[in-house]
Amino acid sequence: SKNPSLKVQDEAPVPPPSLPQVKPMEQRGWWCCW
């Protein structure tokens, strides 16, 4: 672990591929419309 930045990236959670482009705010608006 010589590079702390790399470690941080590894620890950072990766977003699910289910909705990579869909944002939580946009989803809320969509649900509101429904």
C-alpha atoms as a PDB file:
ATOM      1  CA  SER A   1       0.000   0.000   0.000  1.00  0.00           C
ATOM      2  CA  LYS A   2       2.479   2.595  -1.188  1.00  0.00           C
ATOM      3  CA  ASN A   3      -0.167   4.759  -2.869  1.00  0.00           C
ATOM      4  CA  PRO A   4      -2.842   5.947  -0.390  1.00  0.00           C
ATOM      5  CA  SER A   5      -4.918   7.413  -3.232  1.00  0.00           C
ATOM      6  CA  LEU A   6      -5.229   3.956  -4.824  1.00  0.00           C
ATOM      7  CA  LYS A   7      -6.289   2.494  -1.497  1.00  0.00           C
ATOM      8  CA  VAL A   8      -9.005   5.121  -1.137  1.00  0.00           C
ATOM      9  CA  GLN A   9     -10.287   4.333  -4.637  1.00  0.00           C
ATOM     10  CA  ASP A  10     -10.386   0.625  -3.820  1.00  0.00           C
ATOM     11  CA  GLU A  11     -12.309   1.330  -0.614  1.00  0.00           C
ATOM     12  CA  ALA A  12     -14.742   3.663  -2.351  1.00  0.00           C
ATOM     13  CA  PRO A  13     -18.001   1.833  -3.217  1.00  0.00           C
ATOM     14  CA  VAL A  14     -18.758   1.367  -6.907  1.00  0.00           C
ATOM     15  CA  PRO A  15     -22.223   2.417  -8.154  1.00  0.00           C
ATOM     16  CA  PRO A  16     -24.398  -0.458  -9.415  1.00  0.00           C
ATOM     17  CA  PRO A  17     -24.603  -0.940 -13.199  1.00  0.00           C
ATOM     18  CA  SER A  18     -28.395  -1.122 -12.900  1.00  0.00           C
ATOM     19  CA  LEU A  19     -28.699   2.672 -13.290  1.00  0.00           C
ATOM     20  CA  PRO A  20     -25.347   4.301 -14.100  1.00  0.00           C
ATOM     21  CA  GLN A  21     -26.812   7.356 -15.845  1.00  0.00           C
ATOM     22  CA  VAL A  22     -30.036   7.579 -13.812  1.00  0.00           C
ATOM     23  CA  LYS A  23     -29.605   9.954 -10.840  1.00  0.00           C
ATOM     24  CA  PRO A  24     -31.479   9.733  -7.514  1.00  0.00           C
ATOM     25  CA  MET A  25     -32.956  13.228  -8.031  1.00  0.00           C
ATOM     26  CA  GLU A  26     -34.129  12.343 -11.549  1.00  0.00           C
ATOM     27  CA  GLN A  27     -35.592   9.084 -10.283  1.00  0.00           C
ATOM     28  CA  ARG A  28     -37.540  10.969  -7.597  1.00  0.00           C
ATOM     29  CA  GLY A  29     -39.006  13.314 -10.220  1.00  0.00           C
ATOM     30  CA  TRP A  30     -39.950  10.337 -12.386  1.00  0.00           C
ATOM     31  CA  TRP A  31     -41.644   8.598  -9.458  1.00  0.00           C
ATOM     32  CA  CYS A  32     -43.425  11.860  -8.565  1.00  0.00           C
ATOM     33  CA  CYS A  33     -44.778  12.048 -12.102  1.00  0.00           C
ATOM     34  CA  TRP A  34     -46.145   8.539 -11.741  1.00  0.00           C
END
